[in-house]
């Protein structure tokens, strides 16, 4: 059995690696001198009152952050020791500002004190409301496609102008090179300096491009099980607790990270529990036939069920799909809702009909929209090929929580119309004040525990692939062949 597990693990690794592009040589940085570029302000806990600033310069320089209130007075904040480290031919800077005033619109400057860039950030308030925007999978390589992704996010700003933060569920670029991050900054940079960001590591941000994700953002890594290919972290905002997972960790989510998630969700009494993730466990996209994401239907969902998670929002498969509430992979009106959030970019996947009933029952689907040009599909309850040309565009989601009510709205920003069209609406309600804290211990992971857990995670994935995934995959092969022959869809 051990030999079989090793063989399956090796085969899985080769298959998954073959889906990725080789990382090209890094381009010359677009930045010059000590002028900051790639500026981001990330939520780092404490209800939006702790902010992690990160930026880059072409030359080595001091790392200085100054914050001002609306009157122009300097805000007294607790600033971490500055970080300035060389990374891929540039200089990375990090400073964390904590103990910021609540419910404040602050202006900040980052730089060395003379060469600076200005931005704004809104801190959280002590009430039971929170509003956020979510996008995923810009995954661009060209300036044109980065601009399309930026236009989608800008449309979201117009739809929900009073949002508190933006969650990006991964794949910021395609190959995570200096050239692509510079293109990303050229398109998104001005917007990025106006909001708090909660970034999620996608496979194109961390798998095979070690340390890029953690070096692009300043996050709270104290409890992250590792930081080489992504970061897991959590934060509170309003009456909600958010956990951010890293699905590059042992090809999906490692056993140590699942343990961290369980403890993290049991350590909060916030009314709403929400998980951000890159690889989605429920999908009918092109990656929905491989075991890495599918195993999450067994492992991640169990933890979410046990800890009363309300909503899981992910990306990776470049189409919009929302499940009905599920518990134990069965329909349950009191269960967890899973959202595959569509792509904000221009790389879009059509439906893989052959996956239905093999890896995901049709009965689980509450909403399904495919953005791909030439398809524009949506699920009408019986027909996979209902079409609406207005579906062709970038996707974004808005979520608003007020007390015991959560409202999610999904939109397509049309490629041709340049207008936002609603494609989905969800309301969840619950009694507040019922979540209790049941974990108060240390939630960090030792290097030894992580190493041991990683071995167990790979073995578990191999066993799952051999005993669970493979028989189901072989059963769908005839339908897959038909899909390739008739629709040229694999």
Protein backbone atom coordinates (compact mmCIF):
# COMPACT_ATOMS: atom_id res chain seq x y z
CA UNK A 1 0.00 0.00 0.00
CA UNK A 2 2.86 2.38 0.85
CA UNK A 3 4.49 1.79 -2.55
CA UNK A 4 1.18 2.38 -4.34
CA UNK A 5 0.64 5.61 -2.42
CA UNK A 6 4.07 6.88 -3.42
CA UNK A 7 3.48 6.02 -7.09
CA UNK A 8 0.09 7.72 -7.16
CA UNK A 9 1.52 10.77 -5.38
CA UNK A 10 4.30 11.02 -7.99
CA UNK A 11 1.82 10.69 -10.87
CA UNK A 12 -0.41 13.37 -9.34
CA UNK A 13 2.50 15.73 -8.95
CA UNK A 14 3.54 15.30 -12.59
CA UNK A 15 -0.02 15.80 -13.86
CA UNK A 16 -0.58 18.93 -11.82
CA UNK A 17 2.80 20.42 -12.62
CA UNK A 18 2.23 19.86 -16.34
CA UNK A 19 -0.78 22.20 -16.15
CA UNK A 20 1.47 25.08 -15.22
CA UNK A 21 3.69 27.22 -17.41
CA UNK A 22 7.41 27.41 -16.86
CA UNK A 23 8.31 30.70 -15.24
CA UNK A 24 10.10 32.93 -17.76
CA UNK A 25 13.11 35.00 -16.87
CA UNK A 26 12.28 38.09 -14.81
CA UNK A 27 12.03 41.32 -16.79
CA UNK A 28 13.82 44.51 -15.87
CA UNK A 29 11.83 46.33 -13.15
CA UNK A 30 9.69 49.25 -14.33
CA UNK A 31 10.45 51.22 -11.16
CA UNK A 32 13.27 53.74 -11.08
CA UNK A 33 15.15 55.22 -8.14
CA UNK A 34 13.40 55.27 -4.77
CA UNK A 35 9.87 55.95 -5.99
CA UNK A 36 7.48 53.34 -4.49
CA UNK A 37 5.58 50.98 -6.83
CA UNK A 38 3.33 47.95 -6.23
CA UNK A 39 1.83 49.58 -3.14
CA UNK A 40 -0.73 47.56 -1.19
CA UNK A 41 -2.48 47.96 2.16
CA UNK A 42 -3.64 44.60 3.53
CA UNK A 43 -6.05 43.85 6.34
CA UNK A 44 -4.05 42.42 9.20
CA UNK A 45 -6.69 41.86 11.87
CA UNK A 46 -8.19 43.97 14.63
CA UNK A 47 -11.38 44.88 12.73
CA UNK A 48 -9.53 46.77 10.02
CA UNK A 49 -7.52 48.81 12.51
CA UNK A 50 -4.26 47.00 11.74
CA UNK A 51 -2.92 47.47 8.21
CA UNK A 52 0.05 45.82 6.56
CA UNK A 53 1.74 48.11 4.00
CA UNK A 54 4.01 46.71 1.30
CA UNK A 55 5.77 48.41 -1.60
CA UNK A 56 8.81 48.11 -3.85
CA UNK A 57 11.61 50.39 -5.01
CA UNK A 58 14.29 49.94 -7.63
CA UNK A 59 16.98 51.19 -5.23
CA UNK A 60 17.54 50.46 -1.57
CA UNK A 61 15.77 53.07 0.57
CA UNK A 62 14.31 53.69 4.02
CA UNK A 63 10.86 52.24 4.75
CA UNK A 64 8.64 54.99 6.18
CA UNK A 65 4.84 55.06 6.62
CA UNK A 66 3.02 58.20 7.78
CA UNK A 67 -0.74 58.38 8.34
CA UNK A 68 -2.98 61.46 8.47
CA UNK A 69 -6.59 61.96 9.56
CA UNK A 70 -9.18 63.91 7.57
CA UNK A 71 -7.97 67.20 9.09
CA UNK A 72 -4.43 66.53 7.90
CA UNK A 73 -3.07 65.84 11.39
CA UNK A 74 -0.59 63.00 11.80
CA UNK A 75 -2.24 59.91 13.29
CA UNK A 76 -0.50 58.31 16.21
CA UNK A 77 -0.20 54.65 15.36
CA UNK A 78 1.98 51.76 16.47
CA UNK A 79 4.40 51.02 13.62
CA UNK A 80 6.35 47.79 13.31
CA UNK A 81 10.07 47.72 12.68
CA UNK A 82 10.53 48.48 8.97
CA UNK A 83 11.63 45.78 6.55
CA UNK A 84 13.71 46.42 3.43
CA UNK A 85 14.93 43.31 1.63
CA UNK A 86 16.16 42.58 -1.88
CA UNK A 87 13.83 40.42 -3.95
CA UNK A 88 14.22 39.50 -7.62
CA UNK A 89 16.31 42.57 -8.48
CA UNK A 90 14.16 45.07 -6.54
CA UNK A 91 13.74 46.15 -2.92
CA UNK A 92 10.72 45.01 -0.94
CA UNK A 93 9.45 47.17 1.94
CA UNK A 94 7.03 46.24 4.72
CA UNK A 95 5.63 48.23 7.64
CA UNK A 96 2.59 47.30 9.75
CA UNK A 97 0.50 50.04 11.38
CA UNK A 98 -1.70 49.02 14.32
CA UNK A 99 -3.90 50.72 16.95
CA UNK A 100 -5.43 52.89 14.24
CA UNK A 101 -8.59 54.89 15.07
CA UNK A 102 -11.84 53.12 14.26
CA UNK A 103 -14.22 54.19 11.51
CA UNK A 104 -11.74 56.65 10.05
CA UNK A 105 -10.82 57.63 6.50
CA UNK A 106 -7.04 57.93 6.64
CA UNK A 107 -4.50 59.18 4.14
CA UNK A 108 -1.06 57.59 4.12
CA UNK A 109 2.30 58.04 2.46
CA UNK A 110 4.84 55.28 1.89
CA UNK A 111 8.44 55.73 0.81
CA UNK A 112 11.68 56.98 2.27
CA UNK A 113 10.25 60.29 3.48
CA UNK A 114 11.18 62.25 0.35
CA UNK A 115 10.22 59.97 -2.54
CA UNK A 116 6.70 58.98 -1.49
CA UNK A 117 3.39 57.76 -2.85
CA UNK A 118 0.03 58.65 -1.30
CA UNK A 119 -3.00 56.45 -0.69
CA UNK A 120 -6.12 56.23 1.44
CA UNK A 121 -7.53 53.52 3.69
CA UNK A 122 -10.74 53.15 5.69
CA UNK A 123 -10.58 51.51 9.11
CA UNK A 124 -13.31 49.35 10.64
CA UNK A 125 -16.08 50.23 13.06
CA UNK A 126 -17.36 48.47 16.15
CA UNK A 127 -20.81 47.40 14.94
CA UNK A 128 -22.52 44.43 13.30
CA UNK A 129 -22.13 45.44 9.66
CA UNK A 130 -19.53 44.70 7.02
CA UNK A 131 -19.48 45.17 3.25
CA UNK A 132 -16.90 43.73 0.90
CA UNK A 133 -16.17 43.12 -2.77
CA UNK A 134 -14.74 39.83 -4.04
CA UNK A 135 -12.98 39.03 -7.32
CA UNK A 136 -10.74 36.20 -8.51
CA UNK A 137 -8.54 34.96 -11.33
CA UNK A 138 -7.44 38.02 -13.28
CA UNK A 139 -4.50 35.76 -14.26
CA UNK A 140 -3.27 38.05 -17.02
CA UNK A 141 0.01 38.29 -18.90
CA UNK A 142 -0.69 41.27 -21.17
CA UNK A 143 -1.46 44.92 -20.45
CA UNK A 144 -4.76 44.55 -22.32
CA UNK A 145 -6.00 41.72 -20.12
CA UNK A 146 -4.86 43.38 -16.90
CA UNK A 147 -6.86 46.44 -17.97
CA UNK A 148 -9.95 44.27 -18.45
CA UNK A 149 -9.57 42.92 -14.93
CA UNK A 150 -9.10 46.42 -13.54
CA UNK A 151 -12.24 47.59 -15.34
CA UNK A 152 -14.19 44.78 -13.65
CA UNK A 153 -12.99 45.87 -10.20
CA UNK A 154 -13.74 49.51 -10.98
CA UNK A 155 -17.29 48.49 -11.91
CA UNK A 156 -17.58 46.82 -8.52
CA UNK A 157 -16.56 50.09 -6.85
CA UNK A 158 -19.41 51.84 -8.65
CA UNK A 159 -21.89 49.16 -7.58
CA UNK A 160 -20.85 49.13 -3.90
CA UNK A 161 -19.00 52.41 -3.24
CA UNK A 162 -19.11 52.17 0.57
CA UNK A 163 -17.35 48.78 0.81
CA UNK A 164 -14.95 48.02 3.66
CA UNK A 165 -12.37 45.83 1.90
CA UNK A 166 -11.67 43.82 -1.25
CA UNK A 167 -10.99 40.08 -1.20
CA UNK A 168 -9.06 38.72 -4.18
CA UNK A 169 -9.26 34.91 -4.32
CA UNK A 170 -6.01 34.42 -6.16
CA UNK A 171 -4.14 34.21 -9.46
CA UNK A 172 -3.26 37.88 -9.60
CA UNK A 173 -0.93 37.22 -12.55
CA UNK A 174 -0.22 34.26 -14.83
CA UNK A 175 3.48 33.58 -14.20
CA UNK A 176 4.29 35.80 -11.19
CA UNK A 177 7.26 37.60 -12.76
CA UNK A 178 8.54 41.15 -12.31
CA UNK A 179 7.17 42.03 -15.73
CA UNK A 180 3.67 40.80 -14.92
CA UNK A 181 3.56 42.37 -11.46
CA UNK A 182 4.59 45.66 -13.08
CA UNK A 183 1.75 45.29 -15.59
CA UNK A 184 -0.61 44.46 -12.73
CA UNK A 185 0.55 47.58 -10.89
CA UNK A 186 0.15 49.74 -13.99
CA UNK A 187 -3.51 48.69 -14.27
CA UNK A 188 -4.54 48.18 -10.62
CA UNK A 189 -2.03 50.36 -8.77
CA UNK A 190 -4.07 53.55 -8.47
CA UNK A 191 -7.13 51.62 -7.25
CA UNK A 192 -5.02 49.51 -4.89
CA UNK A 193 -4.04 52.66 -3.03
CA UNK A 194 -7.67 53.35 -2.08
CA UNK A 195 -8.75 50.24 -0.14
CA UNK A 196 -7.90 47.44 2.26
CA UNK A 197 -7.04 44.17 0.51
CA UNK A 198 -7.48 40.58 1.71
CA UNK A 199 -5.40 38.57 -0.80
CA UNK A 200 -5.60 34.81 -1.33
CA UNK A 201 -2.74 32.85 -2.87
CA UNK A 202 -3.66 31.18 -6.16
CA UNK A 203 -1.69 28.40 -7.81
CA UNK A 204 -0.24 30.96 -10.26
CA UNK A 205 0.86 33.09 -7.28
CA UNK A 206 2.58 30.42 -5.23
CA UNK A 207 2.83 26.95 -6.74
CA UNK A 208 6.20 26.68 -8.47
CA UNK A 209 7.07 30.35 -7.81
CA UNK A 210 8.31 30.15 -4.24
CA UNK A 211 8.00 33.15 -1.90
CA UNK A 212 6.42 35.49 -4.45
CA UNK A 213 3.04 35.74 -2.71
CA UNK A 214 4.38 36.46 0.76
CA UNK A 215 6.79 39.01 -0.70
CA UNK A 216 4.07 40.88 -2.61
CA UNK A 217 1.82 41.49 0.41
CA UNK A 218 2.30 42.33 4.10
CA UNK A 219 0.12 39.81 5.93
CA UNK A 220 -0.17 38.49 9.48
CA UNK A 221 1.89 35.30 9.12
CA UNK A 222 2.24 34.48 12.83
CA UNK A 223 -0.11 31.48 12.57
CA UNK A 224 0.53 30.52 8.95
CA UNK A 225 1.62 26.88 8.77
CA UNK A 226 4.26 27.95 6.20
CA UNK A 227 4.84 30.90 3.88
CA UNK A 228 6.85 29.53 0.96
CA UNK A 229 3.97 29.04 -1.50
CA UNK A 230 1.24 31.14 0.13
CA UNK A 231 -0.13 32.28 3.47
CA UNK A 232 -3.06 31.26 5.64
CA UNK A 233 -4.36 33.91 8.05
CA UNK A 234 -7.57 35.24 9.59
CA UNK A 235 -9.16 38.49 10.67
CA UNK A 236 -12.35 39.98 12.11
CA UNK A 237 -14.44 42.69 10.53
CA UNK A 238 -17.76 43.83 11.97
CA UNK A 239 -19.63 40.78 13.29
CA UNK A 240 -17.86 38.41 10.89
CA UNK A 241 -14.74 36.27 11.15
CA UNK A 242 -12.79 35.51 7.98
CA UNK A 243 -10.24 32.76 7.40
CA UNK A 244 -7.99 32.84 4.33
CA UNK A 245 -6.62 29.48 3.18
CA UNK A 246 -3.70 28.52 0.97
CA UNK A 247 -4.53 25.74 -1.50
CA UNK A 248 -0.93 25.49 -2.72
CA UNK A 249 -0.15 23.74 0.57
CA UNK A 250 0.40 20.04 -0.28
CA UNK A 251 -1.54 20.51 -3.55
CA UNK A 252 -4.71 21.65 -1.77
CA UNK A 253 -4.99 22.26 2.00
CA UNK A 254 -2.62 20.30 4.25
CA UNK A 255 -3.67 18.50 7.41
CA UNK A 256 -1.81 21.08 9.58
CA UNK A 257 -3.69 23.87 7.83
CA UNK A 258 -7.04 22.12 8.30
CA UNK A 259 -6.24 21.77 12.00
CA UNK A 260 -5.41 25.48 12.07
CA UNK A 261 -8.74 26.28 10.38
CA UNK A 262 -10.71 24.20 12.88
CA UNK A 263 -9.02 25.88 15.84
CA UNK A 264 -9.33 29.30 14.24
CA UNK A 265 -13.06 29.00 13.63
CA UNK A 266 -13.59 27.63 17.14
CA UNK A 267 -11.69 30.59 18.61
CA UNK A 268 -14.29 33.18 17.57
CA UNK A 269 -17.82 34.03 18.69
CA UNK A 270 -18.52 36.29 15.72
CA UNK A 271 -21.94 35.70 14.20
CA UNK A 272 -20.74 34.99 10.66
CA UNK A 273 -17.92 32.68 9.62
CA UNK A 274 -16.57 33.03 6.07
CA UNK A 275 -13.69 31.24 4.32
CA UNK A 276 -11.75 32.58 1.34
CA UNK A 277 -9.94 29.98 -0.75
CA UNK A 278 -8.50 29.61 -4.24
CA UNK A 279 -9.29 26.07 -5.38
CA UNK A 280 -13.01 25.45 -5.07
CA UNK A 281 -14.30 22.04 -3.97
CA UNK A 282 -17.42 22.24 -6.15
CA UNK A 283 -16.95 23.05 -9.82
CA UNK A 284 -17.89 22.07 -13.36
CA UNK A 285 -14.84 23.75 -14.90
CA UNK A 286 -11.76 22.24 -16.49
CA UNK A 287 -10.01 21.58 -13.16
CA UNK A 288 -13.06 19.84 -11.70
CA UNK A 289 -11.84 16.47 -12.95
CA UNK A 290 -8.58 16.37 -10.95
CA UNK A 291 -8.21 15.00 -7.42
CA UNK A 292 -6.42 17.93 -5.78
CA UNK A 293 -9.46 20.23 -5.61
CA UNK A 294 -11.98 17.38 -5.46
CA UNK A 295 -10.46 16.01 -2.27
CA UNK A 296 -11.56 19.24 -0.60
CA UNK A 297 -15.12 17.88 -0.84
CA UNK A 298 -14.03 15.35 1.78
CA UNK A 299 -11.51 17.26 3.91
CA UNK A 300 -12.33 20.98 3.88
CA UNK A 301 -16.09 20.51 3.97
CA UNK A 302 -15.84 18.34 7.09
CA UNK A 303 -14.10 21.15 9.01
CA UNK A 304 -16.56 23.74 7.71
CA UNK A 305 -19.47 21.56 8.82
CA UNK A 306 -17.98 21.03 12.28
CA UNK A 307 -17.26 24.72 12.91
CA UNK A 308 -20.50 26.29 11.63
CA UNK A 309 -18.97 28.06 8.64
CA UNK A 310 -21.64 29.93 6.67
CA UNK A 311 -20.00 30.70 3.33
CA UNK A 312 -16.92 29.54 1.40
CA UNK A 313 -15.83 31.75 -1.50
CA UNK A 314 -13.22 30.55 -3.98
CA UNK A 315 -11.93 30.74 -7.53
CA UNK A 316 -9.57 28.74 -9.76
CA UNK A 317 -12.04 27.38 -12.33
CA UNK A 318 -13.04 30.62 -14.10
CA UNK A 319 -16.82 30.23 -14.07
CA UNK A 320 -19.57 31.26 -11.65
CA UNK A 321 -21.21 28.47 -9.64
CA UNK A 322 -23.08 28.64 -6.34
CA UNK A 323 -24.21 25.56 -4.49
CA UNK A 324 -27.25 25.12 -2.35
CA UNK A 325 -26.40 24.76 1.37
CA UNK A 326 -24.58 21.47 2.01
CA UNK A 327 -23.61 19.36 4.99
CA UNK A 328 -21.60 16.18 4.57
CA UNK A 329 -21.93 16.50 0.78
CA UNK A 330 -25.70 16.38 1.07
CA UNK A 331 -28.36 19.05 0.72
CA UNK A 332 -29.13 20.72 4.03
CA UNK A 333 -30.94 24.09 4.41
CA UNK A 334 -28.76 24.81 7.44
CA UNK A 335 -25.52 23.84 5.75
CA UNK A 336 -22.60 25.65 4.12
CA UNK A 337 -22.93 27.56 0.85
CA UNK A 338 -19.99 27.25 -1.57
CA UNK A 339 -19.30 29.90 -4.20
CA UNK A 340 -17.05 29.50 -7.23
CA UNK A 341 -16.89 33.22 -7.90
CA UNK A 342 -16.24 33.56 -11.63
CA UNK A 343 -13.26 35.30 -13.19
CA UNK A 344 -12.63 39.03 -13.18
CA UNK A 345 -10.29 38.47 -16.13
CA UNK A 346 -10.68 37.34 -19.72
CA UNK A 347 -9.64 33.66 -19.45
CA UNK A 348 -12.95 31.79 -19.08
CA UNK A 349 -13.96 28.11 -18.92
CA UNK A 350 -17.05 26.45 -20.34
CA UNK A 351 -19.11 23.78 -18.55
CA UNK A 352 -17.76 20.24 -18.43
CA UNK A 353 -21.06 18.38 -18.64
CA UNK A 354 -19.34 15.04 -18.14
CA UNK A 355 -18.47 16.00 -14.53
CA UNK A 356 -22.12 16.23 -13.46
CA UNK A 357 -23.31 13.31 -11.32
CA UNK A 358 -19.76 11.91 -11.22
CA UNK A 359 -18.08 14.60 -9.12
CA UNK A 360 -20.98 16.97 -8.45
CA UNK A 361 -24.73 16.22 -8.46
CA UNK A 362 -26.90 18.55 -10.52
CA UNK A 363 -29.15 18.92 -7.48
CA UNK A 364 -26.37 20.84 -5.70
CA UNK A 365 -26.45 23.70 -8.22
CA UNK A 366 -28.37 26.85 -7.27
CA UNK A 367 -26.73 29.15 -9.84
CA UNK A 368 -24.30 28.58 -12.70
CA UNK A 369 -23.07 31.10 -15.28
CA UNK A 370 -20.32 30.62 -17.85
CA UNK A 371 -18.67 33.80 -19.12
CA UNK A 372 -16.79 32.35 -22.09
CA UNK A 373 -17.19 34.05 -25.49
CA UNK A 374 -19.24 31.84 -27.77
CA UNK A 375 -20.93 30.17 -24.81
CA UNK A 376 -22.43 32.65 -22.34
CA UNK A 377 -24.12 29.65 -20.71
CA UNK A 378 -26.25 29.56 -17.62
CA UNK A 379 -27.99 26.71 -15.81
CA UNK A 380 -31.78 26.93 -16.08
CA UNK A 381 -32.40 23.82 -14.01
CA UNK A 382 -32.43 21.34 -16.88
CA UNK A 383 -30.44 22.66 -19.84
CA UNK A 384 -26.66 23.20 -19.77
CA UNK A 385 -26.72 25.26 -22.94
CA UNK A 386 -29.11 28.06 -22.19
CA UNK A 387 -27.29 31.15 -23.41
CA UNK A 388 -27.23 34.88 -22.76
CA UNK A 389 -24.63 36.96 -24.60
CA UNK A 390 -24.70 39.51 -21.78
CA UNK A 391 -22.93 36.92 -19.63
CA UNK A 392 -19.69 37.46 -21.56
CA UNK A 393 -17.50 39.66 -19.37
CA UNK A 394 -15.68 39.92 -16.05
CA UNK A 395 -17.38 38.74 -12.86
CA UNK A 396 -17.44 40.36 -9.41
CA UNK A 397 -19.38 39.79 -6.21
CA UNK A 398 -20.60 42.07 -3.44
CA UNK A 399 -21.45 40.88 0.08
CA UNK A 400 -23.25 42.92 2.73
CA UNK A 401 -23.80 41.73 6.30
CA UNK A 402 -26.16 43.54 8.64
CA UNK A 403 -26.77 41.77 11.94
CA UNK A 404 -28.30 38.38 11.16
CA UNK A 405 -28.66 38.90 7.40
CA UNK A 406 -26.09 38.31 4.67
CA UNK A 407 -26.80 39.42 1.10
CA UNK A 408 -24.64 38.36 -1.84
CA UNK A 409 -25.03 39.78 -5.33
CA UNK A 410 -23.04 38.64 -8.36
CA UNK A 411 -22.52 40.70 -11.51
CA UNK A 412 -21.02 40.42 -14.98
CA UNK A 413 -19.33 43.54 -16.33
CA UNK A 414 -20.00 43.10 -20.04
CA UNK A 415 -17.13 43.09 -22.52
CA UNK A 416 -19.27 44.90 -25.07
CA UNK A 417 -21.86 46.77 -22.99
CA UNK A 418 -19.38 48.01 -20.33
CA UNK A 419 -22.28 47.78 -17.92
CA UNK A 420 -22.89 45.59 -14.88
CA UNK A 421 -25.61 42.97 -15.17
CA UNK A 422 -26.80 41.04 -12.08
CA UNK A 423 -26.51 37.27 -12.51
CA UNK A 424 -27.22 35.96 -9.01
CA UNK A 425 -28.72 36.97 -5.67
CA UNK A 426 -28.48 35.17 -2.33
CA UNK A 427 -29.80 35.97 1.13
CA UNK A 428 -28.78 34.06 4.25
CA UNK A 429 -30.33 34.71 7.65
CA UNK A 430 -29.44 33.40 11.09
CA UNK A 431 -29.90 34.02 14.78
CA UNK A 432 -27.08 36.13 16.18
CA UNK A 433 -25.21 35.54 19.43
CA UNK A 434 -25.19 31.75 19.14
CA UNK A 435 -21.54 31.07 18.22
CA UNK A 436 -19.36 30.25 21.23
CA UNK A 437 -15.60 30.20 21.71
CA UNK A 438 -14.43 26.63 22.28
CA UNK A 439 -10.71 26.97 21.53
CA UNK A 440 -8.34 29.33 23.36
CA UNK A 441 -4.97 27.63 22.94
CA UNK A 442 -1.88 28.17 20.82
CA UNK A 443 -2.76 27.89 17.13
CA UNK A 444 0.74 27.99 15.68
CA UNK A 445 2.37 25.00 13.97
CA UNK A 446 5.90 23.82 14.70
CA UNK A 447 8.24 22.94 11.84
CA UNK A 448 8.26 19.31 12.94
CA UNK A 449 4.44 19.14 13.10
CA UNK A 450 4.18 20.73 9.67
CA UNK A 451 6.73 18.35 8.12
CA UNK A 452 4.98 15.32 9.58
CA UNK A 453 1.58 16.66 8.57
CA UNK A 454 2.77 17.32 5.03
CA UNK A 455 3.85 13.71 4.56
CA UNK A 456 0.48 12.55 5.89
CA UNK A 457 -1.28 15.01 3.58
CA UNK A 458 0.41 13.71 0.42
CA UNK A 459 -0.27 10.12 1.43
CA UNK A 460 -3.92 10.98 2.13
CA UNK A 461 -4.27 12.63 -1.28
CA UNK A 462 -2.69 9.63 -2.98
CA UNK A 463 -5.00 7.21 -1.18
CA UNK A 464 -8.02 9.37 -2.04
CA UNK A 465 -6.96 9.52 -5.69
CA UNK A 466 -6.46 5.77 -5.92
CA UNK A 467 -9.52 4.59 -3.99
CA UNK A 468 -12.10 7.35 -4.54
CA UNK A 469 -11.23 9.62 -7.44
CA UNK A 470 -9.85 7.09 -9.94
CA UNK A 471 -12.90 4.77 -10.07
CA UNK A 472 -15.21 7.75 -10.61
CA UNK A 473 -12.89 9.25 -13.21
CA UNK A 474 -12.75 5.98 -15.17
CA UNK A 475 -16.55 5.84 -15.10
CA UNK A 476 -16.82 9.22 -16.83
CA UNK A 477 -14.18 8.54 -19.51
CA UNK A 478 -16.75 7.67 -22.22
CA UNK A 479 -18.54 10.96 -21.63
CA UNK A 480 -15.22 12.80 -21.61
CA UNK A 481 -14.31 11.27 -24.99
CA UNK A 482 -17.69 12.34 -26.36
CA UNK A 483 -17.11 15.88 -25.04
CA UNK A 484 -13.73 16.08 -26.75
CA UNK A 485 -15.07 14.69 -30.03
CA UNK A 486 -18.22 16.80 -30.21
CA UNK A 487 -17.42 19.97 -28.29
CA UNK A 488 -13.60 19.93 -28.26
CA UNK A 489 -13.81 20.31 -24.49
CA UNK A 490 -11.53 18.32 -22.19
